[in-house]
Amino acid sequence: MDFIIRELENNQEEIEAVKEFLYAQILNEYGIGPTPKFHYDIGGIIEYYIRPSKNNFYIALDGEKIIATAAVRAYDVDYELFKGVYSKEDTASIWRLMVDKDYRRHGLARELVATIEEFAKKEGYDKIYLHTHRYLESGIPFWTSVGYEITIEEDDYDETTHMVKYLS
């Protein structure tokens, strides 16, 4: 399969295409439409991913078609569980890793994660945090296969599993 991975450009047309892709993926995977409480960063792609120098947003393309996305930003979630553990100075966080169902199982997610990890190392992060959900069939198996470790599994309504990978 031929695809390219590149940084999202600060181009309104491309940003709108990414938003459409993400909202379609979220509807397919989670059965919900745009929800500001959970998707505020999608509405603010420029502010969350393009403007900050230590953040980035990647797209994978098959020709002109967006087939996957992945984003990285300084840790900025205020989880009480991680007070004093992670900071925006030393911890990156992965967001919006989404692969179109017709393009899964071809190593695309692995390449996106490797791209993010290289970016994070270059920017001086020591570790990468993410969270996933136990009800996602391939979530935890995928993340553990690329070296992420479970730190906490919550018994919340969303079956949240927090994970980390230390960069060396």
C-alpha atoms as a PDB file:
ATOM      1  CA  MET A   1       0.000   0.000   0.000  1.00  0.00           C
ATOM      2  CA  ASP A   2       1.358   3.395  -0.989  1.00  0.00           C
ATOM      3  CA  PHE A   3       0.680   6.292   1.334  1.00  0.00           C
ATOM      4  CA  ILE A   4       2.507   9.330   2.573  1.00  0.00           C
ATOM      5  CA  ILE A   5       2.618  10.839   6.048  1.00  0.00           C
ATOM      6  CA  ARG A   6       3.170  14.554   6.409  1.00  0.00           C
ATOM      7  CA  GLU A   7       2.477  17.454   8.711  1.00  0.00           C
ATOM      8  CA  LEU A   8      -0.893  19.132   8.431  1.00  0.00           C
ATOM      9  CA  GLU A   9      -0.519  22.457   6.691  1.00  0.00           C
ATOM     10  CA  ASN A  10      -1.931  25.698   8.046  1.00  0.00           C
ATOM     11  CA  ASN A  11      -4.398  25.751   5.187  1.00  0.00           C
ATOM     12  CA  GLN A  12      -8.081  26.226   5.944  1.00  0.00           C
ATOM     13  CA  GLU A  13      -9.259  23.859   3.215  1.00  0.00           C
ATOM     14  CA  GLU A  14      -6.981  21.076   4.434  1.00  0.00           C
ATOM     15  CA  ILE A  15      -7.923  21.711   8.070  1.00  0.00           C
ATOM     16  CA  GLU A  16     -11.619  21.466   7.193  1.00  0.00           C
ATOM     17  CA  ALA A  17     -10.974  18.167   5.393  1.00  0.00           C
ATOM     18  CA  VAL A  18      -9.201  16.856   8.499  1.00  0.00           C
ATOM     19  CA  LYS A  19     -12.124  17.901  10.703  1.00  0.00           C
ATOM     20  CA  GLU A  20     -14.569  16.092   8.400  1.00  0.00           C
ATOM     21  CA  PHE A  21     -12.380  12.978   8.465  1.00  0.00           C
ATOM     22  CA  LEU A  22     -12.091  13.033  12.262  1.00  0.00           C
ATOM     23  CA  TYR A  23     -15.785  13.580  12.905  1.00  0.00           C
ATOM     24  CA  ALA A  24     -16.659  10.743  10.502  1.00  0.00           C
ATOM     25  CA  GLN A  25     -14.191   8.426  12.286  1.00  0.00           C
ATOM     26  CA  ILE A  26     -15.538   9.415  15.707  1.00  0.00           C
ATOM     27  CA  LEU A  27     -19.092   8.722  14.558  1.00  0.00           C
ATOM     28  CA  ASN A  28     -18.041   5.309  13.199  1.00  0.00           C
ATOM     29  CA  GLU A  29     -16.021   4.292  16.282  1.00  0.00           C
ATOM     30  CA  TYR A  30     -17.927   5.906  19.134  1.00  0.00           C
ATOM     31  CA  GLY A  31     -21.367   6.534  17.666  1.00  0.00           C
ATOM     32  CA  ILE A  32     -21.367  10.223  18.580  1.00  0.00           C
ATOM     33  CA  GLY A  33     -21.250  13.450  16.644  1.00  0.00           C
ATOM     34  CA  PRO A  34     -19.124  16.510  17.388  1.00  0.00           C
ATOM     35  CA  THR A  35     -19.143  17.084  21.147  1.00  0.00           C
ATOM     36  CA  PRO A  36     -17.293  20.197  22.377  1.00  0.00           C
ATOM     37  CA  LYS A  37     -16.550  18.619  25.776  1.00  0.00           C
ATOM     38  CA  PHE A  38     -14.553  15.842  24.076  1.00  0.00           C
ATOM     39  CA  HIS A  39     -13.586  17.361  20.712  1.00  0.00           C
ATOM     40  CA  TYR A  40     -12.579  20.928  21.571  1.00  0.00           C
ATOM     41  CA  ASP A  41      -9.137  20.387  20.059  1.00  0.00           C
ATOM     42  CA  ILE A  42     -10.611  19.458  16.677  1.00  0.00           C
ATOM     43  CA  GLY A  43     -12.387  22.793  16.504  1.00  0.00           C
ATOM     44  CA  GLY A  44      -9.123  24.457  17.524  1.00  0.00           C
ATOM     45  CA  ILE A  45      -6.597  22.524  15.424  1.00  0.00           C
ATOM     46  CA  ILE A  46      -4.555  25.659  14.739  1.00  0.00           C
ATOM     47  CA  GLU A  47      -4.405  26.662  18.410  1.00  0.00           C
ATOM     48  CA  TYR A  48      -3.753  23.147  19.744  1.00  0.00           C
ATOM     49  CA  TYR A  49      -1.470  21.644  17.103  1.00  0.00           C
ATOM     50  CA  ILE A  50      -0.175  24.047  14.471  1.00  0.00           C
ATOM     51  CA  ARG A  51       0.842  27.205  16.366  1.00  0.00           C
ATOM     52  CA  PRO A  52       2.645  25.678  19.377  1.00  0.00           C
ATOM     53  CA  SER A  53       6.172  24.732  18.343  1.00  0.00           C
ATOM     54  CA  LYS A  54       6.273  21.579  20.504  1.00  0.00           C
ATOM     55  CA  ASN A  55       2.990  20.245  19.090  1.00  0.00           C
ATOM     56  CA  ASN A  56       2.163  18.770  15.700  1.00  0.00           C
ATOM     57  CA  PHE A  57      -0.576  17.150  13.646  1.00  0.00           C
ATOM     58  CA  TYR A  58       0.086  14.487  11.010  1.00  0.00           C
ATOM     59  CA  ILE A  59      -2.042  13.203   8.174  1.00  0.00           C
ATOM     60  CA  ALA A  60      -1.631  10.107   6.044  1.00  0.00           C
ATOM     61  CA  LEU A  61      -2.737  10.359   2.450  1.00  0.00           C
ATOM     62  CA  ASP A  62      -3.565   7.896  -0.290  1.00  0.00           C
ATOM     63  CA  GLY A  63      -3.252  10.287  -3.202  1.00  0.00           C
ATOM     64  CA  GLU A  64      -5.365  13.247  -2.089  1.00  0.00           C
ATOM     65  CA  LYS A  65      -7.552  11.217   0.283  1.00  0.00           C
ATOM     66  CA  ILE A  66      -6.977  11.525   4.038  1.00  0.00           C
ATOM     67  CA  ILE A  67      -6.791   7.977   5.369  1.00  0.00           C
ATOM     68  CA  ALA A  68      -5.384   8.521   8.871  1.00  0.00           C
ATOM     69  CA  THR A  69      -4.437  11.177  11.403  1.00  0.00           C
ATOM     70  CA  ALA A  70      -2.371  11.447  14.561  1.00  0.00           C
ATOM     71  CA  ALA A  71      -1.510  14.415  16.735  1.00  0.00           C
ATOM     72  CA  VAL A  72       0.980  15.182  19.467  1.00  0.00           C
ATOM     73  CA  ARG A  73       0.960  17.988  21.992  1.00  0.00           C
ATOM     74  CA  ALA A  74       2.478  18.906  25.294  1.00  0.00           C
ATOM     75  CA  TYR A  75       0.653  17.190  28.159  1.00  0.00           C
ATOM     76  CA  ASP A  76      -2.093  19.602  29.158  1.00  0.00           C
ATOM     77  CA  VAL A  77      -4.852  17.506  30.685  1.00  0.00           C
ATOM     78  CA  ASP A  78      -5.516  18.202  34.333  1.00  0.00           C
ATOM     79  CA  TYR A  79      -6.122  14.661  35.606  1.00  0.00           C
ATOM     80  CA  GLU A  80      -5.989  14.602  39.392  1.00  0.00           C
ATOM     81  CA  LEU A  81      -4.484  11.109  39.097  1.00  0.00           C
ATOM     82  CA  PHE A  82      -1.328  12.525  37.514  1.00  0.00           C
ATOM     83  CA  LYS A  83      -0.668  15.709  39.481  1.00  0.00           C
ATOM     84  CA  GLY A  84       3.096  16.039  39.667  1.00  0.00           C
ATOM     85  CA  VAL A  85       3.692  13.008  37.412  1.00  0.00           C
ATOM     86  CA  TYR A  86       3.419  14.558  33.963  1.00  0.00           C
ATOM     87  CA  SER A  87       4.088  18.115  32.842  1.00  0.00           C
ATOM     88  CA  LYS A  88       3.960  20.047  29.598  1.00  0.00           C
ATOM     89  CA  GLU A  89       7.740  20.416  29.769  1.00  0.00           C
ATOM     90  CA  ASP A  90       8.645  16.723  29.836  1.00  0.00           C
ATOM     91  CA  THR A  91       5.583  14.840  28.614  1.00  0.00           C
ATOM     92  CA  ALA A  92       4.028  14.708  25.157  1.00  0.00           C
ATOM     93  CA  SER A  93       0.555  13.286  24.664  1.00  0.00           C
ATOM     94  CA  ILE A  94      -0.906  11.497  21.666  1.00  0.00           C
ATOM     95  CA  TRP A  95      -4.276  12.555  20.330  1.00  0.00           C
ATOM     96  CA  ARG A  96      -6.541  11.754  17.388  1.00  0.00           C
ATOM     97  CA  LEU A  97      -4.905   8.578  16.119  1.00  0.00           C
ATOM     98  CA  MET A  98      -7.573   7.507  13.660  1.00  0.00           C
ATOM     99  CA  VAL A  99      -7.218   5.179  10.693  1.00  0.00           C
ATOM    100  CA  ASP A 100      -9.954   4.706   8.097  1.00  0.00           C
ATOM    101  CA  LYS A 101     -11.293   1.137   8.448  1.00  0.00           C
ATOM    102  CA  ASP A 102     -10.400   0.347   4.817  1.00  0.00           C
ATOM    103  CA  TYR A 103      -6.729   1.120   5.535  1.00  0.00           C
ATOM    104  CA  ARG A 104      -6.229  -0.729   8.795  1.00  0.00           C
ATOM    105  CA  ARG A 105      -3.804  -3.622   9.310  1.00  0.00           C
ATOM    106  CA  HIS A 106      -1.198  -2.188   6.922  1.00  0.00           C
ATOM    107  CA  GLY A 107       1.205  -0.656   9.478  1.00  0.00           C
ATOM    108  CA  LEU A 108      -0.141   2.857   9.068  1.00  0.00           C
ATOM    109  CA  ALA A 109      -0.824   3.445  12.775  1.00  0.00           C
ATOM    110  CA  ARG A 110       2.647   2.126  13.653  1.00  0.00           C
ATOM    111  CA  GLU A 111       4.250   4.553  11.204  1.00  0.00           C
ATOM    112  CA  LEU A 112       2.244   7.455  12.612  1.00  0.00           C
ATOM    113  CA  VAL A 113       3.267   6.545  16.168  1.00  0.00           C
ATOM    114  CA  ALA A 114       6.919   6.248  15.114  1.00  0.00           C
ATOM    115  CA  THR A 115       6.661   9.691  13.484  1.00  0.00           C
ATOM    116  CA  ILE A 116       5.217  11.155  16.687  1.00  0.00           C
ATOM    117  CA  GLU A 117       7.880   9.502  18.839  1.00  0.00           C
ATOM    118  CA  GLU A 118      10.682  10.940  16.691  1.00  0.00           C
ATOM    119  CA  PHE A 119       9.086  14.384  16.889  1.00  0.00           C
ATOM    120  CA  ALA A 120       8.735  14.060  20.687  1.00  0.00           C
ATOM    121  CA  LYS A 121      12.382  13.069  21.095  1.00  0.00           C
ATOM    122  CA  LYS A 122      13.502  15.964  18.907  1.00  0.00           C
ATOM    123  CA  GLU A 123      11.422  18.373  21.006  1.00  0.00           C
ATOM    124  CA  GLY A 124      13.000  17.129  24.238  1.00  0.00           C
ATOM    125  CA  TYR A 125      10.119  15.188  25.758  1.00  0.00           C
ATOM    126  CA  ASP A 126      11.071  12.356  28.141  1.00  0.00           C
ATOM    127  CA  LYS A 127       7.853  10.387  27.831  1.00  0.00           C
ATOM    128  CA  ILE A 128       4.577  10.143  25.948  1.00  0.00           C
ATOM    129  CA  TYR A 129       1.212   9.794  27.669  1.00  0.00           C
ATOM    130  CA  LEU A 130      -2.044   8.616  26.107  1.00  0.00           C
ATOM    131  CA  HIS A 131      -5.342   7.207  27.132  1.00  0.00           C
ATOM    132  CA  THR A 132      -7.530   4.708  25.356  1.00  0.00           C
ATOM    133  CA  HIS A 133     -10.684   2.783  26.184  1.00  0.00           C
ATOM    134  CA  ARG A 134     -11.029  -0.906  26.970  1.00  0.00           C
ATOM    135  CA  TYR A 135     -14.126  -1.240  24.780  1.00  0.00           C
ATOM    136  CA  LEU A 136     -12.052  -0.422  21.688  1.00  0.00           C
ATOM    137  CA  GLU A 137     -11.178  -3.863  20.380  1.00  0.00           C
ATOM    138  CA  SER A 138      -7.659  -3.099  19.182  1.00  0.00           C
ATOM    139  CA  GLY A 139      -6.746  -0.178  21.462  1.00  0.00           C
ATOM    140  CA  ILE A 140      -4.770  -1.765  24.286  1.00  0.00           C
ATOM    141  CA  PRO A 141      -3.284  -4.600  22.170  1.00  0.00           C
ATOM    142  CA  PHE A 142      -2.009  -2.058  19.639  1.00  0.00           C
ATOM    143  CA  TRP A 143      -0.521   0.322  22.201  1.00  0.00           C
ATOM    144  CA  THR A 144       1.221  -2.424  24.169  1.00  0.00           C
ATOM    145  CA  SER A 145       2.632  -3.831  20.910  1.00  0.00           C
ATOM    146  CA  VAL A 146       4.409  -0.509  20.272  1.00  0.00           C
ATOM    147  CA  GLY A 147       5.864  -0.302  23.773  1.00  0.00           C
ATOM    148  CA  TYR A 148       3.292   1.616  25.829  1.00  0.00           C
ATOM    149  CA  GLU A 149       2.624   0.459  29.382  1.00  0.00           C
ATOM    150  CA  ILE A 150      -0.630   0.626  31.288  1.00  0.00           C
ATOM    151  CA  THR A 151      -0.376   2.901  34.309  1.00  0.00           C
ATOM    152  CA  ILE A 152      -3.994   3.019  35.512  1.00  0.00           C
ATOM    153  CA  GLU A 153      -7.229   1.374  34.410  1.00  0.00           C
ATOM    154  CA  GLU A 154     -10.192   3.360  35.620  1.00  0.00           C
ATOM    155  CA  ASP A 155     -13.624   1.983  36.397  1.00  0.00           C
ATOM    156  CA  ASP A 156     -15.262   5.019  34.841  1.00  0.00           C
ATOM    157  CA  TYR A 157     -18.160   5.072  32.372  1.00  0.00           C
ATOM    158  CA  ASP A 158     -15.698   5.306  29.476  1.00  0.00           C
ATOM    159  CA  GLU A 159     -13.458   2.385  30.525  1.00  0.00           C
ATOM    160  CA  THR A 160     -10.403   4.656  30.382  1.00  0.00           C
ATOM    161  CA  THR A 161      -6.949   3.116  30.370  1.00  0.00           C
ATOM    162  CA  HIS A 162      -3.996   5.452  30.861  1.00  0.00           C
ATOM    163  CA  MET A 163      -0.670   4.516  29.262  1.00  0.00           C
ATOM    164  CA  VAL A 164       2.876   5.830  29.023  1.00  0.00           C
ATOM    165  CA  LYS A 165       6.064   5.194  27.082  1.00  0.00           C
ATOM    166  CA  TYR A 166       9.435   6.451  28.250  1.00  0.00           C
ATOM    167  CA  LEU A 167      11.670   7.749  25.486  1.00  0.00           C
ATOM    168  CA  SER A 168      15.368   6.908  25.709  1.00  0.00           C
END
